[in-house]
Amino acid sequence: MGIQDFIANEVKTNDVVLFMKGTPQFPQCGFSGQVVQILDYVGVDYKGINVLDDADLRQGIKDYSNWPTIPQLYIKGEFVGGCDIVREMFQSGELKSHLEGQGIAVKGAA
């Protein structure tokens, strides 16, 4: 399986996927850490994929989304954005609405 096939499979088989530096338990950059905090706060189940484990994956996700930075959040197969976009959506309430609109359970107060 090529890296693009791996990424496509992860995006399609998980409702919420975060390609990040580090893991949800131990983020390795501030931007990834912010997105983890937001997702944990809204209480959504998601899969974190550490791009630092594999240089091909780190470049592959940028090519896949045509987006130059990491982290990258995908919801129901759709690229949502990076840290700034996720933070803005969270602050406006749009992130919770978008998740719920996709049929994804959120547990948090946000």
Protein backbone atom coordinates (compact mmCIF):
# COMPACT_ATOMS: atom_id res chain seq x y z
CA MET A 1 0.00 0.00 0.00
CA GLY A 2 1.41 3.38 -1.02
CA ILE A 3 1.40 6.37 1.32
CA GLN A 4 -1.48 8.06 -0.53
CA ASP A 5 -3.54 4.85 -0.23
CA PHE A 6 -2.74 4.67 3.49
CA ILE A 7 -3.82 8.29 4.02
CA ALA A 8 -7.00 7.84 1.95
CA ASN A 9 -7.89 4.70 3.92
CA GLU A 10 -7.38 6.43 7.29
CA VAL A 11 -9.43 9.45 6.21
CA LYS A 12 -12.26 7.29 4.87
CA THR A 13 -12.44 4.71 7.68
CA ASN A 14 -12.31 7.08 10.67
CA ASP A 15 -14.97 9.73 11.32
CA VAL A 16 -12.43 12.18 12.77
CA VAL A 17 -8.70 11.96 12.02
CA LEU A 18 -5.95 14.34 13.10
CA PHE A 19 -2.63 14.11 11.31
CA MET A 20 -0.32 15.69 13.85
CA LYS A 21 3.20 15.98 15.20
CA GLY A 22 3.29 13.62 18.15
CA THR A 23 0.35 11.79 19.67
CA PRO A 24 -2.84 13.00 21.36
CA GLN A 25 -1.27 11.97 24.67
CA PHE A 26 2.04 13.70 23.90
CA PRO A 27 1.83 16.38 21.18
CA GLN A 28 5.24 17.37 19.80
CA CYS A 29 4.33 20.89 18.65
CA GLY A 30 2.18 23.70 19.97
CA PHE A 31 -0.20 23.76 17.02
CA SER A 32 -0.90 20.03 17.25
CA GLY A 33 -1.34 20.46 21.01
CA GLN A 34 -3.94 23.20 20.51
CA VAL A 35 -6.03 21.07 18.17
CA VAL A 36 -5.82 18.11 20.58
CA GLN A 37 -7.03 20.37 23.42
CA ILE A 38 -9.95 21.60 21.30
CA LEU A 39 -10.99 18.10 20.23
CA ASP A 40 -10.67 16.83 23.80
CA TYR A 41 -12.70 19.79 25.08
CA VAL A 42 -15.59 19.17 22.68
CA GLY A 43 -15.34 15.53 23.67
CA VAL A 44 -15.19 13.97 20.22
CA ASP A 45 -13.57 10.59 19.59
CA TYR A 46 -10.78 10.91 17.04
CA LYS A 47 -7.73 9.11 15.75
CA GLY A 48 -4.39 10.88 16.00
CA ILE A 49 -1.73 9.89 13.49
CA ASN A 50 1.85 10.90 14.25
CA VAL A 51 3.55 12.20 11.09
CA LEU A 52 6.91 12.35 12.86
CA ASP A 53 7.15 8.55 12.68
CA ASP A 54 7.47 8.57 8.89
CA ALA A 55 8.96 11.21 6.56
CA ASP A 56 6.93 9.83 3.63
CA LEU A 57 3.74 10.27 5.64
CA ARG A 58 4.76 13.80 6.70
CA GLN A 59 5.17 14.84 3.05
CA GLY A 60 2.35 12.61 1.82
CA ILE A 61 -0.33 14.29 3.92
CA LYS A 62 0.74 17.71 2.60
CA ASP A 63 0.45 16.39 -0.96
CA TYR A 64 -2.86 14.65 -0.22
CA SER A 65 -4.55 17.81 1.04
CA ASN A 66 -2.52 20.33 -0.94
CA TRP A 67 -2.06 22.06 2.43
CA PRO A 68 1.49 22.95 3.54
CA THR A 69 1.25 22.63 7.30
CA ILE A 70 0.53 20.08 10.02
CA PRO A 71 -1.72 19.45 11.96
CA GLN A 72 -4.51 18.60 9.54
CA LEU A 73 -8.01 17.66 10.67
CA TYR A 74 -10.37 15.50 8.62
CA ILE A 75 -14.05 14.96 9.48
CA LYS A 76 -15.99 12.26 7.59
CA GLY A 77 -13.38 12.17 4.85
CA GLU A 78 -13.35 15.95 4.37
CA PHE A 79 -10.29 18.12 5.02
CA VAL A 80 -11.34 20.76 7.54
CA GLY A 81 -8.09 22.64 8.07
CA GLY A 82 -5.14 23.26 10.32
CA CYS A 83 -4.77 24.80 13.76
CA ASP A 84 -5.95 28.34 12.94
CA ILE A 85 -9.07 27.15 11.10
CA VAL A 86 -9.96 24.60 13.79
CA ARG A 87 -9.46 27.24 16.52
CA GLU A 88 -11.66 29.77 14.69
CA MET A 89 -14.36 27.14 14.12
CA PHE A 90 -14.19 26.16 17.80
CA GLN A 91 -14.44 29.75 19.04
CA SER A 92 -17.43 30.51 16.80
CA GLY A 93 -19.23 27.27 17.71
CA GLU A 94 -19.00 26.12 14.09
CA LEU A 95 -16.81 23.10 14.93
CA LYS A 96 -19.39 21.57 17.29
CA SER A 97 -22.19 22.28 14.79
CA HIS A 98 -20.18 20.76 11.96
CA LEU A 99 -19.43 17.61 13.96
CA GLU A 100 -23.06 17.21 15.02
CA GLY A 101 -24.21 17.92 11.47
CA GLN A 102 -22.04 15.02 10.32
CA GLY A 103 -23.68 12.76 12.91
CA ILE A 104 -20.65 12.66 15.20
CA ALA A 105 -21.32 12.61 18.93
CA VAL A 106 -19.78 15.40 20.98
CA LYS A 107 -19.71 15.22 24.76
CA GLY A 108 -18.31 18.60 25.76
CA ALA A 109 -19.93 21.84 26.75
CA ALA A 110 -18.52 23.84 23.84
